[in-house]
Structure formats: C-alpha cells, structure tokens
Amino acid sequence: MVVPIAPIGAIAPLTSVTAGSAAPAAGSAANFATALSHGLDAVSGAQANADNLTVQAATGTLIDPAQLTIATTQATLMTELASSVQSKAVTAFNTIMGMQA
C-alpha cells in the first residue's frame, strides 16, 4: 500500500505589519515578547512532534517513514532559526551596550 506524502503547509506570519506605520506602537515590546513566545512554542511543538514520530518508528507503529523525515528536518530547521535569531539578538544587545560606554 502506497501512502501519498502530505504537502508541507505554509508558515504563517508571526504578526501583521502595516505598510504605512512609521513609528512603533506603544505596546510593541509586548507584541515582540508575544511573538517570540509563540515562535519558541512552535519550535518546542515541532521538536515534540519529531520525538513522537521517532518513538513510533522505533516501536514499529509508524506507518509513513516520510513523516518522520519531514518532521525531523522541520524541527532541525526551526531550531537552527531560533539559534540564529538568538545570536543576532545578543549581537544587537552588545552593540547597543557598546554605544553607551
């Protein structure tokens, strides 16, 4: 029996940005914190999904091995993206702190 591979869904934007806004809104720090929290929750969910499928593969209950490959790759890419964002944030923080000296 051949099971077709399900297509990968589009990644939804974290927040919507209006083209005409010149100044950030008063609650933009809270919006950033919320977006960051949702992003980290998504990374955690992708890792949990990959772990669940890995356990299914190890126990022999996984029907479609392609799902494991897709989930593992997605979790890896999301983790690398989160690490890159963290690195850029630390670099930006250090640059700002260097300006104040």
N, C-alpha and C. Protein backbone atom coordinates (compact mmCIF):
# COMPACT_ATOMS: atom_id res chain seq x y z
N MET A 1 0.84 -1.17 0.00
CA MET A 1 0.00 0.00 0.00
C MET A 1 0.89 1.24 0.00
N VAL A 2 0.64 2.13 -0.91
CA VAL A 2 1.40 3.36 -1.02
C VAL A 2 0.59 4.50 -0.42
N VAL A 3 1.19 5.20 0.53
CA VAL A 3 0.53 6.34 1.17
C VAL A 3 1.16 7.60 0.60
N PRO A 4 0.34 8.48 0.02
CA PRO A 4 0.93 9.71 -0.54
C PRO A 4 1.46 10.62 0.56
N ILE A 5 2.50 11.34 0.22
CA ILE A 5 3.10 12.28 1.17
C ILE A 5 2.25 13.54 1.21
N ALA A 6 1.90 13.96 2.42
CA ALA A 6 1.09 15.17 2.58
C ALA A 6 1.96 16.39 2.31
N PRO A 7 1.39 17.41 1.67
CA PRO A 7 2.18 18.62 1.40
C PRO A 7 2.50 19.37 2.69
N ILE A 8 3.62 20.07 2.66
CA ILE A 8 4.01 20.89 3.81
C ILE A 8 3.22 22.19 3.76
N GLY A 9 2.61 22.53 4.86
CA GLY A 9 1.79 23.75 4.92
C GLY A 9 2.65 25.00 4.95
N ALA A 10 2.06 26.10 4.57
CA ALA A 10 2.76 27.38 4.58
C ALA A 10 2.98 27.84 6.00
N ILE A 11 4.05 28.56 6.22
CA ILE A 11 4.36 29.11 7.53
C ILE A 11 3.61 30.43 7.67
N ALA A 12 2.80 30.54 8.69
CA ALA A 12 2.01 31.75 8.91
C ALA A 12 2.90 32.84 9.49
N PRO A 13 2.68 34.09 9.11
CA PRO A 13 3.48 35.18 9.69
C PRO A 13 3.19 35.32 11.18
N LEU A 14 4.20 35.72 11.94
CA LEU A 14 4.02 35.87 13.38
C LEU A 14 3.10 37.04 13.71
N THR A 15 3.28 38.16 13.04
CA THR A 15 2.41 39.32 13.25
C THR A 15 2.20 39.99 11.91
N SER A 16 1.13 40.76 11.81
CA SER A 16 0.90 41.50 10.58
C SER A 16 1.52 42.89 10.72
N VAL A 17 2.12 43.38 9.66
CA VAL A 17 2.77 44.68 9.65
C VAL A 17 2.07 45.53 8.62
N THR A 18 1.69 46.73 9.02
CA THR A 18 1.07 47.65 8.08
C THR A 18 2.15 48.46 7.40
N ALA A 19 1.96 48.74 6.12
CA ALA A 19 2.98 49.41 5.33
C ALA A 19 3.15 50.87 5.72
N GLY A 20 2.12 51.53 6.22
CA GLY A 20 2.19 52.96 6.47
C GLY A 20 2.64 53.34 7.87
N SER A 21 2.93 52.39 8.74
CA SER A 21 3.29 52.76 10.10
C SER A 21 4.74 53.20 10.17
N ALA A 22 4.96 54.45 10.59
CA ALA A 22 6.31 54.99 10.68
C ALA A 22 6.89 54.79 12.07
N ALA A 23 6.09 54.94 13.09
CA ALA A 23 6.56 54.79 14.46
C ALA A 23 5.98 53.52 15.06
N PRO A 24 6.75 52.84 15.92
CA PRO A 24 6.22 51.63 16.54
C PRO A 24 5.10 51.96 17.52
N ALA A 25 4.21 51.04 17.68
CA ALA A 25 3.10 51.24 18.60
C ALA A 25 3.61 51.20 20.04
N ALA A 26 2.81 51.71 20.96
CA ALA A 26 3.22 51.79 22.36
C ALA A 26 3.45 50.40 22.95
N GLY A 27 2.69 49.40 22.54
CA GLY A 27 2.83 48.06 23.07
C GLY A 27 3.70 47.16 22.22
N SER A 28 4.60 47.73 21.44
CA SER A 28 5.40 46.91 20.54
C SER A 28 6.33 45.97 21.28
N ALA A 29 6.79 46.34 22.47
CA ALA A 29 7.64 45.44 23.25
C ALA A 29 6.84 44.21 23.68
N ALA A 30 5.59 44.44 24.08
CA ALA A 30 4.74 43.32 24.46
C ALA A 30 4.42 42.46 23.24
N ASN A 31 4.21 43.09 22.08
CA ASN A 31 3.95 42.33 20.86
C ASN A 31 5.16 41.49 20.49
N PHE A 32 6.36 42.05 20.62
CA PHE A 32 7.57 41.30 20.31
C PHE A 32 7.72 40.12 21.26
N ALA A 33 7.47 40.35 22.55
CA ALA A 33 7.58 39.27 23.53
C ALA A 33 6.57 38.17 23.23
N THR A 34 5.37 38.56 22.84
CA THR A 34 4.34 37.57 22.50
C THR A 34 4.74 36.78 21.25
N ALA A 35 5.22 37.49 20.24
CA ALA A 35 5.65 36.82 19.01
C ALA A 35 6.81 35.87 19.28
N LEU A 36 7.75 36.31 20.11
CA LEU A 36 8.89 35.46 20.45
C LEU A 36 8.44 34.23 21.22
N SER A 37 7.50 34.43 22.12
CA SER A 37 6.97 33.30 22.90
C SER A 37 6.26 32.30 21.99
N HIS A 38 5.45 32.80 21.06
CA HIS A 38 4.76 31.90 20.13
C HIS A 38 5.77 31.16 19.24
N GLY A 39 6.81 31.85 18.82
CA GLY A 39 7.83 31.21 17.99
C GLY A 39 8.55 30.09 18.73
N LEU A 40 8.90 30.35 19.99
CA LEU A 40 9.57 29.31 20.77
C LEU A 40 8.64 28.14 21.07
N ASP A 41 7.35 28.44 21.27
CA ASP A 41 6.37 27.36 21.46
C ASP A 41 6.26 26.51 20.19
N ALA A 42 6.34 27.14 19.03
CA ALA A 42 6.28 26.40 17.76
C ALA A 42 7.50 25.50 17.61
N VAL A 43 8.67 26.00 18.00
CA VAL A 43 9.89 25.18 17.94
C VAL A 43 9.75 23.99 18.87
N SER A 44 9.26 24.23 20.07
CA SER A 44 9.07 23.15 21.03
C SER A 44 8.06 22.12 20.52
N GLY A 45 6.99 22.59 19.90
CA GLY A 45 5.99 21.68 19.34
C GLY A 45 6.54 20.84 18.20
N ALA A 46 7.36 21.46 17.34
CA ALA A 46 7.97 20.71 16.24
C ALA A 46 8.92 19.65 16.76
N GLN A 47 9.67 19.99 17.80
CA GLN A 47 10.58 19.00 18.39
C GLN A 47 9.82 17.86 19.06
N ALA A 48 8.71 18.20 19.73
CA ALA A 48 7.90 17.16 20.37
C ALA A 48 7.27 16.24 19.32
N ASN A 49 6.82 16.81 18.20
CA ASN A 49 6.25 16.01 17.11
C ASN A 49 7.31 15.06 16.54
N ALA A 50 8.51 15.59 16.32
CA ALA A 50 9.58 14.74 15.78
C ALA A 50 9.94 13.64 16.78
N ASP A 51 9.96 13.97 18.07
CA ASP A 51 10.25 12.95 19.09
C ASP A 51 9.17 11.87 19.11
N ASN A 52 7.91 12.29 19.00
CA ASN A 52 6.81 11.34 19.00
C ASN A 52 6.91 10.40 17.80
N LEU A 53 7.18 10.96 16.63
CA LEU A 53 7.31 10.11 15.43
C LEU A 53 8.53 9.20 15.52
N THR A 54 9.60 9.66 16.17
CA THR A 54 10.79 8.82 16.35
C THR A 54 10.46 7.62 17.23
N VAL A 55 9.71 7.84 18.29
CA VAL A 55 9.29 6.74 19.16
C VAL A 55 8.41 5.76 18.38
N GLN A 56 7.49 6.30 17.56
CA GLN A 56 6.66 5.43 16.74
C GLN A 56 7.49 4.60 15.77
N ALA A 57 8.53 5.21 15.20
CA ALA A 57 9.39 4.47 14.28
C ALA A 57 10.17 3.39 15.01
N ALA A 58 10.62 3.70 16.22
CA ALA A 58 11.39 2.72 16.99
C ALA A 58 10.54 1.54 17.45
N THR A 59 9.27 1.81 17.71
CA THR A 59 8.39 0.73 18.17
C THR A 59 7.70 0.00 17.02
N GLY A 60 7.85 0.51 15.80
CA GLY A 60 7.27 -0.16 14.64
C GLY A 60 5.84 0.22 14.35
N THR A 61 5.34 1.27 14.98
CA THR A 61 3.95 1.68 14.75
C THR A 61 3.82 2.82 13.74
N LEU A 62 4.93 3.34 13.25
CA LEU A 62 4.89 4.43 12.28
C LEU A 62 4.54 3.88 10.91
N ILE A 63 3.50 4.43 10.30
CA ILE A 63 3.03 3.93 9.02
C ILE A 63 3.83 4.53 7.86
N ASP A 64 4.08 5.82 7.92
CA ASP A 64 4.76 6.52 6.82
C ASP A 64 6.10 7.08 7.29
N PRO A 65 7.21 6.47 6.91
CA PRO A 65 8.53 6.96 7.34
C PRO A 65 8.86 8.36 6.83
N ALA A 66 8.21 8.78 5.75
CA ALA A 66 8.46 10.13 5.23
C ALA A 66 8.02 11.19 6.23
N GLN A 67 6.98 10.90 7.01
CA GLN A 67 6.54 11.84 8.04
C GLN A 67 7.65 12.11 9.04
N LEU A 68 8.38 11.07 9.41
CA LEU A 68 9.49 11.22 10.35
C LEU A 68 10.58 12.09 9.76
N THR A 69 10.91 11.86 8.50
CA THR A 69 11.95 12.64 7.85
C THR A 69 11.55 14.12 7.77
N ILE A 70 10.31 14.37 7.39
CA ILE A 70 9.83 15.75 7.28
C ILE A 70 9.81 16.42 8.65
N ALA A 71 9.28 15.74 9.65
CA ALA A 71 9.18 16.33 10.99
C ALA A 71 10.56 16.59 11.59
N THR A 72 11.49 15.67 11.38
CA THR A 72 12.84 15.85 11.91
C THR A 72 13.54 17.01 11.23
N THR A 73 13.40 17.11 9.92
CA THR A 73 14.02 18.22 9.18
C THR A 73 13.40 19.54 9.59
N GLN A 74 12.08 19.58 9.74
CA GLN A 74 11.40 20.80 10.16
C GLN A 74 11.86 21.22 11.55
N ALA A 75 11.97 20.28 12.48
CA ALA A 75 12.42 20.61 13.84
C ALA A 75 13.86 21.12 13.83
N THR A 76 14.69 20.51 13.00
CA THR A 76 16.08 20.94 12.91
C THR A 76 16.18 22.36 12.36
N LEU A 77 15.45 22.63 11.29
CA LEU A 77 15.49 23.98 10.70
C LEU A 77 14.94 25.03 11.65
N MET A 78 13.86 24.71 12.35
CA MET A 78 13.29 25.66 13.29
C MET A 78 14.25 25.93 14.45
N THR A 79 14.94 24.90 14.91
CA THR A 79 15.92 25.07 15.99
C THR A 79 17.09 25.92 15.52
N GLU A 80 17.56 25.68 14.30
CA GLU A 80 18.66 26.49 13.76
C GLU A 80 18.24 27.95 13.59
N LEU A 81 16.99 28.18 13.16
CA LEU A 81 16.49 29.55 13.02
C LEU A 81 16.42 30.24 14.38
N ALA A 82 15.91 29.54 15.38
CA ALA A 82 15.83 30.12 16.73
C ALA A 82 17.23 30.44 17.26
N SER A 83 18.17 29.57 17.00
CA SER A 83 19.54 29.81 17.43
C SER A 83 20.13 31.02 16.72
N SER A 84 19.84 31.17 15.44
CA SER A 84 20.33 32.31 14.67
C SER A 84 19.72 33.62 15.17
N VAL A 85 18.42 33.60 15.46
CA VAL A 85 17.75 34.79 15.99
C VAL A 85 18.35 35.16 17.35
N GLN A 86 18.61 34.16 18.18
CA GLN A 86 19.21 34.42 19.50
C GLN A 86 20.59 35.03 19.35
N SER A 87 21.37 34.52 18.42
CA SER A 87 22.71 35.05 18.19
C SER A 87 22.66 36.50 17.71
N LYS A 88 21.74 36.79 16.79
CA LYS A 88 21.59 38.16 16.30
C LYS A 88 21.12 39.10 17.41
N ALA A 89 20.23 38.62 18.29
CA ALA A 89 19.75 39.45 19.39
C ALA A 89 20.87 39.77 20.36
N VAL A 90 21.70 38.79 20.66
CA VAL A 90 22.84 39.03 21.56
C VAL A 90 23.81 40.01 20.93
N THR A 91 24.08 39.87 19.64
CA THR A 91 24.97 40.80 18.93
C THR A 91 24.40 42.22 18.96
N ALA A 92 23.10 42.36 18.72
CA ALA A 92 22.47 43.68 18.75
C ALA A 92 22.53 44.28 20.15
N PHE A 93 22.28 43.45 21.18
CA PHE A 93 22.35 43.93 22.55
C PHE A 93 23.76 44.43 22.87
N ASN A 94 24.76 43.65 22.51
CA ASN A 94 26.15 44.03 22.78
C ASN A 94 26.52 45.30 22.03
N THR A 95 26.02 45.48 20.81
CA THR A 95 26.29 46.70 20.04
C THR A 95 25.67 47.91 20.74
N ILE A 96 24.43 47.77 21.20
CA ILE A 96 23.76 48.87 21.89
C ILE A 96 24.49 49.19 23.21
N MET A 97 24.91 48.20 23.94
CA MET A 97 25.63 48.44 25.18
C MET A 97 26.98 49.11 24.90
N GLY A 98 27.61 48.77 23.79
CA GLY A 98 28.87 49.40 23.42
C GLY A 98 28.71 50.87 23.06
N MET A 99 27.54 51.26 22.57
CA MET A 99 27.29 52.66 22.22
C MET A 99 27.16 53.52 23.47
N GLN A 100 26.73 52.95 24.57
CA GLN A 100 26.50 53.71 25.78
C GLN A 100 27.79 53.97 26.57
N ALA A 101 28.84 53.26 26.24
CA ALA A 101 30.08 53.39 27.01
C ALA A 101 30.81 54.68 26.76
